[in-house]
Amino acid sequence: VQLVESGGGSVQVGGSLRLSCTASGFTFDDANYAMGWFRQAPGKEREGVSIFNSGDSRTYYSDSVKGRFTISSDDATNTIYLQMNSLKPEDTAVYYCAATLGLNIGIGRQGMLQTGRYRHWGQGTQVTVSS
């Protein structure tokens, strides 16, 4: 499995960015998977941002981004997107795409946003929000 991210960059407070992560090595149509985004700011631990779980088609968001970020998937292109609106300086971080294969049911939001659940990781893309 390979994950390739794109879409990071610099934006002013209140602006928007869309991140993309294209997966190879499995196809969305044929697999059960959970896939989404984590981020790591300088000096901080990596934290879960948003996950899409194909097993029950549910989405999960951290409290810090809920209402501002939206995760979506495109089976045709094997791509996960993260639309980030109303960006704040505290959203500045390296954003990583992550995926795990298999059926994840009844895990709950906290579990789905744990880094240890995910086996496959992208290289990361920088998002910088300036005031």
Protein backbone atom coordinates (compact mmCIF):
# COMPACT_ATOMS: atom_id res chain seq x y z
CA VAL A 1 0.00 0.00 0.00
CA GLN A 2 1.24 3.44 -0.91
CA LEU A 3 -0.33 6.74 0.00
CA VAL A 4 0.52 9.93 -1.87
CA GLU A 5 -0.62 13.26 -0.45
CA SER A 6 -0.97 16.61 -2.12
CA GLY A 7 -2.60 19.97 -1.55
CA GLY A 8 -0.72 21.48 1.34
CA GLY A 9 0.47 25.05 1.33
CA SER A 10 0.29 28.41 3.04
CA VAL A 11 -2.90 30.32 3.65
CA GLN A 12 -4.10 33.20 5.78
CA VAL A 13 -6.40 32.86 8.75
CA GLY A 14 -9.93 32.09 7.64
CA GLY A 15 -8.80 30.63 4.35
CA SER A 16 -9.33 27.16 2.90
CA LEU A 17 -7.23 24.31 1.57
CA ARG A 18 -8.05 20.88 0.24
CA LEU A 19 -5.75 17.94 0.85
CA SER A 20 -5.79 14.84 -1.33
CA CYS A 21 -4.47 11.36 -0.65
CA THR A 22 -4.43 8.76 -3.39
CA ALA A 23 -4.00 5.14 -2.41
CA SER A 24 -2.45 2.34 -4.43
CA GLY A 25 -2.15 -1.31 -3.52
CA PHE A 26 -5.83 -1.73 -2.79
CA THR A 27 -9.04 -0.44 -4.33
CA PHE A 28 -11.77 1.31 -2.42
CA ASP A 29 -14.50 -0.69 -4.17
CA ASP A 30 -13.07 -4.07 -3.16
CA ALA A 31 -11.71 -3.47 0.32
CA ASN A 32 -12.78 -2.69 3.83
CA TYR A 33 -10.56 0.08 5.07
CA ALA A 34 -10.28 3.09 7.31
CA MET A 35 -8.39 6.03 5.91
CA GLY A 36 -7.88 9.65 6.74
CA TRP A 37 -5.72 12.35 8.20
CA PHE A 38 -3.45 13.00 11.11
CA ARG A 39 -1.31 16.02 11.85
CA GLN A 40 1.80 16.87 13.80
CA ALA A 41 2.80 20.35 14.85
CA PRO A 42 6.39 21.13 15.97
CA GLY A 43 7.02 19.81 19.46
CA LYS A 44 3.69 18.02 19.65
CA GLU A 45 2.50 14.47 19.24
CA ARG A 46 0.81 13.32 16.09
CA GLU A 47 -2.95 13.59 16.48
CA GLY A 48 -5.95 12.28 14.62
CA VAL A 49 -7.88 14.82 12.57
CA SER A 50 -10.44 12.94 10.50
CA ILE A 51 -11.11 9.40 9.38
CA PHE A 52 -13.46 7.75 6.90
CA ASN A 53 -14.41 4.17 7.75
CA SER A 54 -15.63 2.21 4.77
CA GLY A 55 -17.04 -0.59 6.89
CA ASP A 56 -19.94 1.52 8.11
CA SER A 57 -19.43 4.62 5.94
CA ARG A 58 -18.95 6.74 9.03
CA THR A 59 -16.71 9.75 9.39
CA TYR A 60 -14.88 10.85 12.51
CA TYR A 61 -13.47 14.25 13.45
CA SER A 62 -11.42 15.60 16.29
CA ASP A 63 -13.13 18.24 18.38
CA SER A 64 -10.67 20.86 17.17
CA VAL A 65 -11.72 20.56 13.52
CA LYS A 66 -15.35 19.46 13.70
CA GLY A 67 -17.56 21.83 11.76
CA ARG A 68 -14.64 23.25 9.79
CA PHE A 69 -13.11 20.23 8.05
CA THR A 70 -14.87 17.69 5.84
CA ILE A 71 -13.52 14.32 4.75
CA SER A 72 -14.76 12.63 1.60
CA SER A 73 -13.80 9.71 -0.63
CA ASP A 74 -13.86 9.06 -4.33
CA ASP A 75 -14.00 5.39 -5.31
CA ALA A 76 -13.29 6.18 -8.94
CA THR A 77 -9.87 7.64 -8.16
CA ASN A 78 -9.07 5.81 -4.90
CA THR A 79 -8.65 9.17 -3.25
CA ILE A 80 -9.54 10.65 0.11
CA TYR A 81 -9.98 14.40 0.43
CA LEU A 82 -9.88 16.74 3.40
CA GLN A 83 -11.58 20.07 2.80
CA MET A 84 -10.31 22.51 5.41
CA ASN A 85 -12.25 25.74 5.90
CA SER A 86 -11.98 28.59 8.39
CA LEU A 87 -8.36 27.73 9.00
CA LYS A 88 -6.67 28.91 12.18
CA PRO A 89 -3.00 29.34 13.10
CA GLU A 90 -3.30 26.30 15.37
CA ASP A 91 -4.07 24.18 12.31
CA THR A 92 -0.47 24.68 11.21
CA ALA A 93 1.18 21.25 11.05
CA VAL A 94 2.44 18.52 8.79
CA TYR A 95 -0.61 16.56 7.70
CA TYR A 96 -0.24 12.83 7.14
CA CYS A 97 -2.54 10.49 5.30
CA ALA A 98 -2.97 7.08 6.92
CA ALA A 99 -4.81 3.88 6.13
CA THR A 100 -5.54 0.50 7.57
CA LEU A 101 -7.17 -2.41 5.80
CA GLY A 102 -9.84 -4.57 7.32
CA LEU A 103 -13.23 -4.20 8.91
CA ASN A 104 -13.42 -1.70 11.76
CA ILE A 105 -16.83 -1.83 13.42
CA GLY A 106 -17.88 -0.55 16.81
CA ILE A 107 -14.52 1.09 17.49
CA GLY A 108 -15.75 4.58 18.35
CA ARG A 109 -14.31 7.97 17.57
CA GLN A 110 -11.43 7.87 20.03
CA GLY A 111 -10.26 4.52 18.75
CA MET A 112 -10.57 5.44 15.12
CA LEU A 113 -8.43 8.54 15.65
CA GLN A 114 -5.56 6.67 17.31
CA THR A 115 -2.30 6.63 15.37
CA GLY A 116 -1.54 3.04 16.37
CA ARG A 117 -4.52 1.75 14.44
CA TYR A 118 -2.97 2.70 11.09
CA ARG A 119 -0.32 0.66 9.34
CA HIS A 120 0.21 2.68 6.19
CA TRP A 121 1.33 6.30 6.10
CA GLY A 122 2.03 8.96 3.52
CA GLN A 123 5.05 11.22 3.50
CA GLY A 124 3.23 14.24 4.89
CA THR A 125 2.34 17.65 3.51
CA GLN A 126 2.88 20.98 5.23
CA VAL A 127 -0.04 23.27 6.03
CA THR A 128 0.82 26.74 7.32
CA VAL A 129 -1.83 29.21 8.46
CA SER A 130 -0.64 32.74 9.09
CA SER A 131 -2.39 35.64 10.75
